[in-house]
Amino acid sequence: MYVWSKKLAVGLLATFAILMIWFLVKGPEAGTSSLKIHTTRWITLNYIGLVMWVFVWMIDQARVRGKNVWLWLPPFLFAPLPTLMAFVLFLQRRMKA
């Protein structure tokens, strides 16, 4: 893939690791709902990471095919999955010679 570089991958992994350590050190506070807070943070961190990874993949695929991916960013921020499906279908159209 053209978009991924070692610096980007290491930076994203380091950010994830730092946030993971922060979540684990802070840990669940005493109380009945603390697990819910910790679990919500964990799910949110993973979701944000997945959304970033998918958009970087979209940038890569658009670059390979010579398309503009930045037009897809606004709908992707509000509805990632439907936008991703529409983007894949858009890229599967036959290219004009």
PDB file of N, CA and C in Angstrom:
ATOM      1  N   MET A   1       0.843  -1.177   0.000  1.00  0.00           N
ATOM      2  CA  MET A   1       0.000   0.000   0.000  1.00  0.00           C
ATOM      3  C   MET A   1       0.882   1.233   0.000  1.00  0.00           C
ATOM      4  N   TYR A   2       0.449   2.228  -0.705  1.00  0.00           N
ATOM      5  CA  TYR A   2       1.256   3.427  -0.850  1.00  0.00           C
ATOM      6  C   TYR A   2       1.171   4.356   0.355  1.00  0.00           C
ATOM      7  N   VAL A   3       0.041   4.387   1.035  1.00  0.00           N
ATOM      8  CA  VAL A   3      -0.183   5.357   2.098  1.00  0.00           C
ATOM      9  C   VAL A   3       0.586   5.009   3.362  1.00  0.00           C
ATOM     10  N   TRP A   4       0.639   3.716   3.704  1.00  0.00           N
ATOM     11  CA  TRP A   4       1.278   3.297   4.947  1.00  0.00           C
ATOM     12  C   TRP A   4       2.779   3.496   4.865  1.00  0.00           C
ATOM     13  N   SER A   5       3.323   4.109   5.852  1.00  0.00           N
ATOM     14  CA  SER A   5       4.764   4.218   5.986  1.00  0.00           C
ATOM     15  C   SER A   5       5.130   3.670   7.360  1.00  0.00           C
ATOM     16  N   LYS A   6       6.400   3.383   7.558  1.00  0.00           N
ATOM     17  CA  LYS A   6       6.825   2.853   8.855  1.00  0.00           C
ATOM     18  C   LYS A   6       6.580   3.869   9.961  1.00  0.00           C
ATOM     19  N   LYS A   7       6.824   5.145   9.684  1.00  0.00           N
ATOM     20  CA  LYS A   7       6.605   6.185  10.697  1.00  0.00           C
ATOM     21  C   LYS A   7       5.135   6.265  11.096  1.00  0.00           C
ATOM     22  N   LEU A   8       4.240   6.202  10.114  1.00  0.00           N
ATOM     23  CA  LEU A   8       2.815   6.263  10.404  1.00  0.00           C
ATOM     24  C   LEU A   8       2.381   5.047  11.216  1.00  0.00           C
ATOM     25  N   ALA A   9       2.791   3.868  10.797  1.00  0.00           N
ATOM     26  CA  ALA A   9       2.406   2.642  11.495  1.00  0.00           C
ATOM     27  C   ALA A   9       2.938   2.635  12.928  1.00  0.00           C
ATOM     28  N   VAL A  10       4.197   3.020  13.104  1.00  0.00           N
ATOM     29  CA  VAL A  10       4.782   3.051  14.441  1.00  0.00           C
ATOM     30  C   VAL A  10       4.089   4.107  15.301  1.00  0.00           C
ATOM     31  N   GLY A  11       3.790   5.269  14.724  1.00  0.00           N
ATOM     32  CA  GLY A  11       3.102   6.320  15.468  1.00  0.00           C
ATOM     33  C   GLY A  11       1.718   5.891  15.924  1.00  0.00           C
ATOM     34  N   LEU A  12       0.965   5.239  15.039  1.00  0.00           N
ATOM     35  CA  LEU A  12      -0.369   4.768  15.408  1.00  0.00           C
ATOM     36  C   LEU A  12      -0.295   3.679  16.470  1.00  0.00           C
ATOM     37  N   LEU A  13       0.642   2.760  16.314  1.00  0.00           N
ATOM     38  CA  LEU A  13       0.794   1.703  17.315  1.00  0.00           C
ATOM     39  C   LEU A  13       1.236   2.264  18.668  1.00  0.00           C
ATOM     40  N   ALA A  14       2.132   3.237  18.639  1.00  0.00           N
ATOM     41  CA  ALA A  14       2.583   3.853  19.895  1.00  0.00           C
ATOM     42  C   ALA A  14       1.436   4.593  20.577  1.00  0.00           C
ATOM     43  N   THR A  15       0.634   5.309  19.801  1.00  0.00           N
ATOM     44  CA  THR A  15      -0.524   5.997  20.364  1.00  0.00           C
ATOM     45  C   THR A  15      -1.488   5.003  20.994  1.00  0.00           C
ATOM     46  N   PHE A  16      -1.737   3.917  20.288  1.00  0.00           N
ATOM     47  CA  PHE A  16      -2.626   2.884  20.821  1.00  0.00           C
ATOM     48  C   PHE A  16      -2.053   2.309  22.116  1.00  0.00           C
ATOM     49  N   ALA A  17      -0.742   2.024  22.127  1.00  0.00           N
ATOM     50  CA  ALA A  17      -0.116   1.447  23.315  1.00  0.00           C
ATOM     51  C   ALA A  17      -0.179   2.414  24.504  1.00  0.00           C
ATOM     52  N   ILE A  18       0.070   3.681  24.255  1.00  0.00           N
ATOM     53  CA  ILE A  18       0.014   4.679  25.331  1.00  0.00           C
ATOM     54  C   ILE A  18      -1.399   4.779  25.898  1.00  0.00           C
ATOM     55  N   LEU A  19      -2.388   4.810  25.024  1.00  0.00           N
ATOM     56  CA  LEU A  19      -3.774   4.864  25.503  1.00  0.00           C
ATOM     57  C   LEU A  19      -4.154   3.589  26.247  1.00  0.00           C
ATOM     58  N   MET A  20      -3.677   2.442  25.778  1.00  0.00           N
ATOM     59  CA  MET A  20      -3.953   1.182  26.470  1.00  0.00           C
ATOM     60  C   MET A  20      -3.357   1.194  27.876  1.00  0.00           C
ATOM     61  N   ILE A  21      -2.107   1.627  27.978  1.00  0.00           N
ATOM     62  CA  ILE A  21      -1.454   1.697  29.284  1.00  0.00           C
ATOM     63  C   ILE A  21      -2.208   2.663  30.192  1.00  0.00           C
ATOM     64  N   TRP A  22      -2.615   3.796  29.652  1.00  0.00           N
ATOM     65  CA  TRP A  22      -3.361   4.775  30.436  1.00  0.00           C
ATOM     66  C   TRP A  22      -4.681   4.178  30.931  1.00  0.00           C
ATOM     67  N   PHE A  23      -5.385   3.468  30.040  1.00  0.00           N
ATOM     68  CA  PHE A  23      -6.643   2.830  30.450  1.00  0.00           C
ATOM     69  C   PHE A  23      -6.410   1.779  31.524  1.00  0.00           C
ATOM     70  N   LEU A  24      -5.337   1.006  31.381  1.00  0.00           N
ATOM     71  CA  LEU A  24      -5.089  -0.059  32.349  1.00  0.00           C
ATOM     72  C   LEU A  24      -4.616   0.488  33.696  1.00  0.00           C
ATOM     73  N   VAL A  25      -3.781   1.540  33.657  1.00  0.00           N
ATOM     74  CA  VAL A  25      -3.305   2.134  34.905  1.00  0.00           C
ATOM     75  C   VAL A  25      -4.458   2.818  35.625  1.00  0.00           C
ATOM     76  N   LYS A  26      -5.229   3.558  34.891  1.00  0.00           N
ATOM     77  CA  LYS A  26      -6.378   4.223  35.504  1.00  0.00           C
ATOM     78  C   LYS A  26      -7.352   3.158  35.980  1.00  0.00           C
ATOM     79  N   GLY A  27      -7.526   2.135  35.163  1.00  0.00           N
ATOM     80  CA  GLY A  27      -8.305   0.967  35.538  1.00  0.00           C
ATOM     81  C   GLY A  27      -9.703   1.271  36.007  1.00  0.00           C
ATOM     82  N   PRO A  28     -10.406   0.230  36.265  1.00  0.00           N
ATOM     83  CA  PRO A  28     -11.761   0.435  36.762  1.00  0.00           C
ATOM     84  C   PRO A  28     -11.742   0.970  38.190  1.00  0.00           C
ATOM     85  N   GLU A  29     -12.453   2.045  38.413  1.00  0.00           N
ATOM     86  CA  GLU A  29     -12.557   2.595  39.759  1.00  0.00           C
ATOM     87  C   GLU A  29     -13.519   1.715  40.563  1.00  0.00           C
ATOM     88  N   ALA A  30     -13.486   1.890  41.877  1.00  0.00           N
ATOM     89  CA  ALA A  30     -14.383   1.114  42.732  1.00  0.00           C
ATOM     90  C   ALA A  30     -15.830   1.537  42.476  1.00  0.00           C
ATOM     91  N   GLY A  31     -16.666   0.575  42.381  1.00  0.00           N
ATOM     92  CA  GLY A  31     -18.080   0.863  42.155  1.00  0.00           C
ATOM     93  C   GLY A  31     -18.672  -0.130  41.179  1.00  0.00           C
ATOM     94  N   THR A  32     -19.974  -0.118  41.088  1.00  0.00           N
ATOM     95  CA  THR A  32     -20.632  -1.102  40.237  1.00  0.00           C
ATOM     96  C   THR A  32     -20.574  -0.746  38.760  1.00  0.00           C
ATOM     97  N   SER A  33     -20.502   0.530  38.421  1.00  0.00           N
ATOM     98  CA  SER A  33     -20.528   0.912  37.013  1.00  0.00           C
ATOM     99  C   SER A  33     -19.139   1.182  36.443  1.00  0.00           C
ATOM    100  N   SER A  34     -18.074   0.947  37.187  1.00  0.00           N
ATOM    101  CA  SER A  34     -16.734   1.266  36.689  1.00  0.00           C
ATOM    102  C   SER A  34     -16.332   0.353  35.530  1.00  0.00           C
ATOM    103  N   LEU A  35     -16.761  -0.885  35.532  1.00  0.00           N
ATOM    104  CA  LEU A  35     -16.439  -1.778  34.424  1.00  0.00           C
ATOM    105  C   LEU A  35     -17.073  -1.273  33.139  1.00  0.00           C
ATOM    106  N   LYS A  36     -18.248  -0.724  33.248  1.00  0.00           N
ATOM    107  CA  LYS A  36     -18.917  -0.185  32.073  1.00  0.00           C
ATOM    108  C   LYS A  36     -18.133   0.987  31.492  1.00  0.00           C
ATOM    109  N   ILE A  37     -17.608   1.837  32.342  1.00  0.00           N
ATOM    110  CA  ILE A  37     -16.816   2.973  31.875  1.00  0.00           C
ATOM    111  C   ILE A  37     -15.543   2.476  31.195  1.00  0.00           C
ATOM    112  N   HIS A  38     -14.857   1.538  31.819  1.00  0.00           N
ATOM    113  CA  HIS A  38     -13.624   1.007  31.248  1.00  0.00           C
ATOM    114  C   HIS A  38     -13.908   0.294  29.930  1.00  0.00           C
ATOM    115  N   THR A  39     -14.964  -0.480  29.881  1.00  0.00           N
ATOM    116  CA  THR A  39     -15.324  -1.192  28.657  1.00  0.00           C
ATOM    117  C   THR A  39     -15.703  -0.212  27.551  1.00  0.00           C
ATOM    118  N   THR A  40     -16.410   0.829  27.905  1.00  0.00           N
ATOM    119  CA  THR A  40     -16.785   1.840  26.911  1.00  0.00           C
ATOM    120  C   THR A  40     -15.553   2.513  26.332  1.00  0.00           C
ATOM    121  N   ARG A  41     -14.590   2.833  27.187  1.00  0.00           N
ATOM    122  CA  ARG A  41     -13.337   3.441  26.697  1.00  0.00           C
ATOM    123  C   ARG A  41     -12.617   2.478  25.754  1.00  0.00           C
ATOM    124  N   TRP A  42     -12.568   1.214  26.106  1.00  0.00           N
ATOM    125  CA  TRP A  42     -11.883   0.201  25.292  1.00  0.00           C
ATOM    126  C   TRP A  42     -12.554   0.079  23.926  1.00  0.00           C
ATOM    127  N   ILE A  43     -13.864   0.001  23.915  1.00  0.00           N
ATOM    128  CA  ILE A  43     -14.604  -0.124  22.656  1.00  0.00           C
ATOM    129  C   ILE A  43     -14.408   1.133  21.811  1.00  0.00           C
ATOM    130  N   THR A  44     -14.460   2.296  22.444  1.00  0.00           N
ATOM    131  CA  THR A  44     -14.277   3.549  21.714  1.00  0.00           C
ATOM    132  C   THR A  44     -12.891   3.631  21.091  1.00  0.00           C
ATOM    133  N   LEU A  45     -11.866   3.268  21.839  1.00  0.00           N
ATOM    134  CA  LEU A  45     -10.500   3.282  21.314  1.00  0.00           C
ATOM    135  C   LEU A  45     -10.372   2.363  20.115  1.00  0.00           C
ATOM    136  N   ASN A  46     -10.918   1.162  20.202  1.00  0.00           N
ATOM    137  CA  ASN A  46     -10.841   0.222  19.088  1.00  0.00           C
ATOM    138  C   ASN A  46     -11.641   0.699  17.885  1.00  0.00           C
ATOM    139  N   TYR A  47     -12.804   1.294  18.121  1.00  0.00           N
ATOM    140  CA  TYR A  47     -13.628   1.789  17.025  1.00  0.00           C
ATOM    141  C   TYR A  47     -12.921   2.926  16.284  1.00  0.00           C
ATOM    142  N   ILE A  48     -12.342   3.858  17.035  1.00  0.00           N
ATOM    143  CA  ILE A  48     -11.635   4.973  16.400  1.00  0.00           C
ATOM    144  C   ILE A  48     -10.447   4.457  15.592  1.00  0.00           C
ATOM    145  N   GLY A  49      -9.710   3.504  16.154  1.00  0.00           N
ATOM    146  CA  GLY A  49      -8.594   2.917  15.414  1.00  0.00           C
ATOM    147  C   GLY A  49      -9.041   2.227  14.145  1.00  0.00           C
ATOM    148  N   LEU A  50     -10.138   1.505  14.208  1.00  0.00           N
ATOM    149  CA  LEU A  50     -10.658   0.815  13.028  1.00  0.00           C
ATOM    150  C   LEU A  50     -11.115   1.807  11.965  1.00  0.00           C
ATOM    151  N   VAL A  51     -11.797   2.859  12.386  1.00  0.00           N
ATOM    152  CA  VAL A  51     -12.264   3.864  11.429  1.00  0.00           C
ATOM    153  C   VAL A  51     -11.080   4.548  10.749  1.00  0.00           C
ATOM    154  N   MET A  52     -10.039   4.860  11.515  1.00  0.00           N
ATOM    155  CA  MET A  52      -8.842   5.473  10.919  1.00  0.00           C
ATOM    156  C   MET A  52      -8.193   4.517   9.925  1.00  0.00           C
ATOM    157  N   TRP A  53      -8.072   3.248  10.283  1.00  0.00           N
ATOM    158  CA  TRP A  53      -7.451   2.262   9.403  1.00  0.00           C
ATOM    159  C   TRP A  53      -8.250   2.116   8.119  1.00  0.00           C
ATOM    160  N   VAL A  54      -9.569   2.070   8.220  1.00  0.00           N
ATOM    161  CA  VAL A  54     -10.415   1.921   7.032  1.00  0.00           C
ATOM    162  C   VAL A  54     -10.276   3.141   6.138  1.00  0.00           C
ATOM    163  N   PHE A  55     -10.237   4.344   6.707  1.00  0.00           N
ATOM    164  CA  PHE A  55     -10.103   5.529   5.855  1.00  0.00           C
ATOM    165  C   PHE A  55      -8.739   5.576   5.184  1.00  0.00           C
ATOM    166  N   VAL A  56      -7.699   5.161   5.873  1.00  0.00           N
ATOM    167  CA  VAL A  56      -6.379   5.105   5.235  1.00  0.00           C
ATOM    168  C   VAL A  56      -6.404   4.092   4.087  1.00  0.00           C
ATOM    169  N   TRP A  57      -7.098   2.975   4.283  1.00  0.00           N
ATOM    170  CA  TRP A  57      -7.252   1.997   3.208  1.00  0.00           C
ATOM    171  C   TRP A  57      -7.992   2.620   2.024  1.00  0.00           C
ATOM    172  N   MET A  58      -9.038   3.429   2.321  1.00  0.00           N
ATOM    173  CA  MET A  58      -9.777   4.096   1.250  1.00  0.00           C
ATOM    174  C   MET A  58      -8.876   5.068   0.493  1.00  0.00           C
ATOM    175  N   ILE A  59      -8.014   5.777   1.216  1.00  0.00           N
ATOM    176  CA  ILE A  59      -7.061   6.692   0.555  1.00  0.00           C
ATOM    177  C   ILE A  59      -6.162   5.897  -0.390  1.00  0.00           C
ATOM    178  N   ASP A  60      -5.666   4.773   0.083  1.00  0.00           N
ATOM    179  CA  ASP A  60      -4.784   3.942  -0.726  1.00  0.00           C
ATOM    180  C   ASP A  60      -5.489   3.426  -1.974  1.00  0.00           C
ATOM    181  N   GLN A  61      -6.689   2.923  -1.817  1.00  0.00           N
ATOM    182  CA  GLN A  61      -7.421   2.379  -2.952  1.00  0.00           C
ATOM    183  C   GLN A  61      -7.782   3.467  -3.961  1.00  0.00           C
ATOM    184  N   ALA A  62      -8.135   4.642  -3.475  1.00  0.00           N
ATOM    185  CA  ALA A  62      -8.459   5.743  -4.384  1.00  0.00           C
ATOM    186  C   ALA A  62      -7.215   6.206  -5.133  1.00  0.00           C
ATOM    187  N   ARG A  63      -6.084   6.240  -4.449  1.00  0.00           N
ATOM    188  CA  ARG A  63      -4.847   6.669  -5.093  1.00  0.00           C
ATOM    189  C   ARG A  63      -4.441   5.695  -6.200  1.00  0.00           C
ATOM    190  N   VAL A  64      -4.583   4.405  -5.945  1.00  0.00           N
ATOM    191  CA  VAL A  64      -4.236   3.392  -6.942  1.00  0.00           C
ATOM    192  C   VAL A  64      -5.108   3.551  -8.179  1.00  0.00           C
ATOM    193  N   ARG A  65      -6.363   3.909  -7.994  1.00  0.00           N
ATOM    194  CA  ARG A  65      -7.296   4.009  -9.118  1.00  0.00           C
ATOM    195  C   ARG A  65      -7.423   5.431  -9.666  1.00  0.00           C
ATOM    196  N   GLY A  66      -6.702   6.369  -9.108  1.00  0.00           N
ATOM    197  CA  GLY A  66      -6.721   7.741  -9.605  1.00  0.00           C
ATOM    198  C   GLY A  66      -8.015   8.483  -9.286  1.00  0.00           C
ATOM    199  N   LYS A  67      -8.630   8.177  -8.170  1.00  0.00           N
ATOM    200  CA  LYS A  67      -9.876   8.841  -7.765  1.00  0.00           C
ATOM    201  C   LYS A  67      -9.604   9.773  -6.587  1.00  0.00           C
ATOM    202  N   ASN A  68     -10.570  10.666  -6.317  1.00  0.00           N
ATOM    203  CA  ASN A  68     -10.446  11.600  -5.202  1.00  0.00           C
ATOM    204  C   ASN A  68     -11.213  11.046  -4.001  1.00  0.00           C
ATOM    205  N   VAL A  69     -10.497  10.737  -2.925  1.00  0.00           N
ATOM    206  CA  VAL A  69     -11.136  10.147  -1.744  1.00  0.00           C
ATOM    207  C   VAL A  69     -11.682  11.207  -0.799  1.00  0.00           C
ATOM    208  N   TRP A  70     -11.216  12.437  -0.886  1.00  0.00           N
ATOM    209  CA  TRP A  70     -11.601  13.459   0.088  1.00  0.00           C
ATOM    210  C   TRP A  70     -13.067  13.836  -0.026  1.00  0.00           C
ATOM    211  N   LEU A  71     -13.702  13.561  -1.161  1.00  0.00           N
ATOM    212  CA  LEU A  71     -15.140  13.797  -1.287  1.00  0.00           C
ATOM    213  C   LEU A  71     -15.935  12.809  -0.423  1.00  0.00           C
ATOM    214  N   TRP A  72     -15.309  11.698  -0.074  1.00  0.00           N
ATOM    215  CA  TRP A  72     -15.974  10.665   0.711  1.00  0.00           C
ATOM    216  C   TRP A  72     -15.820  10.891   2.216  1.00  0.00           C
ATOM    217  N   LEU A  73     -14.995  11.833   2.625  1.00  0.00           N
ATOM    218  CA  LEU A  73     -14.746  12.045   4.050  1.00  0.00           C
ATOM    219  C   LEU A  73     -15.976  12.514   4.837  1.00  0.00           C
ATOM    220  N   PRO A  74     -16.721  13.535   4.389  1.00  0.00           N
ATOM    221  CA  PRO A  74     -17.882  13.968   5.199  1.00  0.00           C
ATOM    222  C   PRO A  74     -18.910  12.859   5.457  1.00  0.00           C
ATOM    223  N   PRO A  75     -19.342  12.114   4.422  1.00  0.00           N
ATOM    224  CA  PRO A  75     -20.296  11.044   4.749  1.00  0.00           C
ATOM    225  C   PRO A  75     -19.663   9.931   5.579  1.00  0.00           C
ATOM    226  N   PHE A  76     -18.355   9.712   5.415  1.00  0.00           N
ATOM    227  CA  PHE A  76     -17.672   8.672   6.175  1.00  0.00           C
ATOM    228  C   PHE A  76     -17.647   9.002   7.663  1.00  0.00           C
ATOM    229  N   LEU A  77     -17.541  10.277   8.020  1.00  0.00           N
ATOM    230  CA  LEU A  77     -17.528  10.677   9.425  1.00  0.00           C
ATOM    231  C   LEU A  77     -18.868  10.419  10.107  1.00  0.00           C
ATOM    232  N   PHE A  78     -19.971  10.529   9.350  1.00  0.00           N
ATOM    233  CA  PHE A  78     -21.298  10.346   9.934  1.00  0.00           C
ATOM    234  C   PHE A  78     -21.805   8.907   9.857  1.00  0.00           C
ATOM    235  N   ALA A  79     -21.408   8.186   8.805  1.00  0.00           N
ATOM    236  CA  ALA A  79     -21.875   6.806   8.635  1.00  0.00           C
ATOM    237  C   ALA A  79     -20.776   5.990   7.956  1.00  0.00           C
ATOM    238  N   PRO A  80     -19.789   5.504   8.725  1.00  0.00           N
ATOM    239  CA  PRO A  80     -18.646   4.829   8.122  1.00  0.00           C
ATOM    240  C   PRO A  80     -18.986   3.574   7.310  1.00  0.00           C
ATOM    241  N   LEU A  81     -19.801   2.696   7.825  1.00  0.00           N
ATOM    242  CA  LEU A  81     -20.056   1.435   7.135  1.00  0.00           C
ATOM    243  C   LEU A  81     -20.808   1.611   5.819  1.00  0.00           C
ATOM    244  N   PRO A  82     -21.919   2.344   5.787  1.00  0.00           N
ATOM    245  CA  PRO A  82     -22.584   2.536   4.490  1.00  0.00           C
ATOM    246  C   PRO A  82     -21.702   3.272   3.476  1.00  0.00           C
ATOM    247  N   THR A  83     -20.936   4.246   3.952  1.00  0.00           N
ATOM    248  CA  THR A  83     -20.042   4.976   3.051  1.00  0.00           C
ATOM    249  C   THR A  83     -18.971   4.051   2.503  1.00  0.00           C
ATOM    250  N   LEU A  84     -18.418   3.185   3.355  1.00  0.00           N
ATOM    251  CA  LEU A  84     -17.414   2.227   2.893  1.00  0.00           C
ATOM    252  C   LEU A  84     -18.002   1.306   1.831  1.00  0.00           C
ATOM    253  N   MET A  85     -19.211   0.815   2.052  1.00  0.00           N
ATOM    254  CA  MET A  85     -19.846  -0.069   1.062  1.00  0.00           C
ATOM    255  C   MET A  85     -20.071   0.669  -0.256  1.00  0.00           C
ATOM    256  N   ALA A  86     -20.560   1.908  -0.193  1.00  0.00           N
ATOM    257  CA  ALA A  86     -20.773   2.689  -1.415  1.00  0.00           C
ATOM    258  C   ALA A  86     -19.446   2.967  -2.115  1.00  0.00           C
ATOM    259  N   PHE A  87     -18.406   3.258  -1.350  1.00  0.00           N
ATOM    260  CA  PHE A  87     -17.082   3.520  -1.919  1.00  0.00           C
ATOM    261  C   PHE A  87     -16.552   2.292  -2.658  1.00  0.00           C
ATOM    262  N   VAL A  88     -16.685   1.122  -2.051  1.00  0.00           N
ATOM    263  CA  VAL A  88     -16.219  -0.109  -2.701  1.00  0.00           C
ATOM    264  C   VAL A  88     -17.007  -0.356  -3.983  1.00  0.00           C
ATOM    265  N   LEU A  89     -18.313  -0.155  -3.929  1.00  0.00           N
ATOM    266  CA  LEU A  89     -19.117  -0.329  -5.146  1.00  0.00           C
ATOM    267  C   LEU A  89     -18.730   0.684  -6.212  1.00  0.00           C
ATOM    268  N   PHE A  90     -18.450   1.921  -5.794  1.00  0.00           N
ATOM    269  CA  PHE A  90     -18.024   2.957  -6.727  1.00  0.00           C
ATOM    270  C   PHE A  90     -16.705   2.573  -7.403  1.00  0.00           C
ATOM    271  N   LEU A  91     -15.768   2.009  -6.632  1.00  0.00           N
ATOM    272  CA  LEU A  91     -14.477   1.630  -7.201  1.00  0.00           C
ATOM    273  C   LEU A  91     -14.563   0.398  -8.084  1.00  0.00           C
ATOM    274  N   GLN A  92     -15.621  -0.398  -7.940  1.00  0.00           N
ATOM    275  CA  GLN A  92     -15.742  -1.603  -8.749  1.00  0.00           C
ATOM    276  C   GLN A  92     -16.359  -1.344 -10.118  1.00  0.00           C
ATOM    277  N   ARG A  93     -16.783  -0.116 -10.364  1.00  0.00           N
ATOM    278  CA  ARG A  93     -17.326   0.208 -11.687  1.00  0.00           C
ATOM    279  C   ARG A  93     -16.237   0.039 -12.732  1.00  0.00           C
ATOM    280  N   ARG A  94     -16.630  -0.260 -13.928  1.00  0.00           N
ATOM    281  CA  ARG A  94     -15.639  -0.383 -15.003  1.00  0.00           C
ATOM    282  C   ARG A  94     -15.026   0.979 -15.300  1.00  0.00           C
ATOM    283  N   MET A  95     -13.710   0.964 -15.467  1.00  0.00           N
ATOM    284  CA  MET A  95     -12.996   2.204 -15.779  1.00  0.00           C
ATOM    285  C   MET A  95     -13.077   2.457 -17.281  1.00  0.00           C
ATOM    286  N   LYS A  96     -13.254   3.709 -17.635  1.00  0.00           N
ATOM    287  CA  LYS A  96     -13.308   4.064 -19.064  1.00  0.00           C
ATOM    288  C   LYS A  96     -11.880   4.075 -19.609  1.00  0.00           C
ATOM    289  N   ALA A  97     -11.729   3.513 -20.769  1.00  0.00           N
ATOM    290  CA  ALA A  97     -10.398   3.405 -21.359  1.00  0.00           C
ATOM    291  C   ALA A  97      -9.923   4.656 -21.987  1.00  0.00           C
TER     292      ALA A  97
END
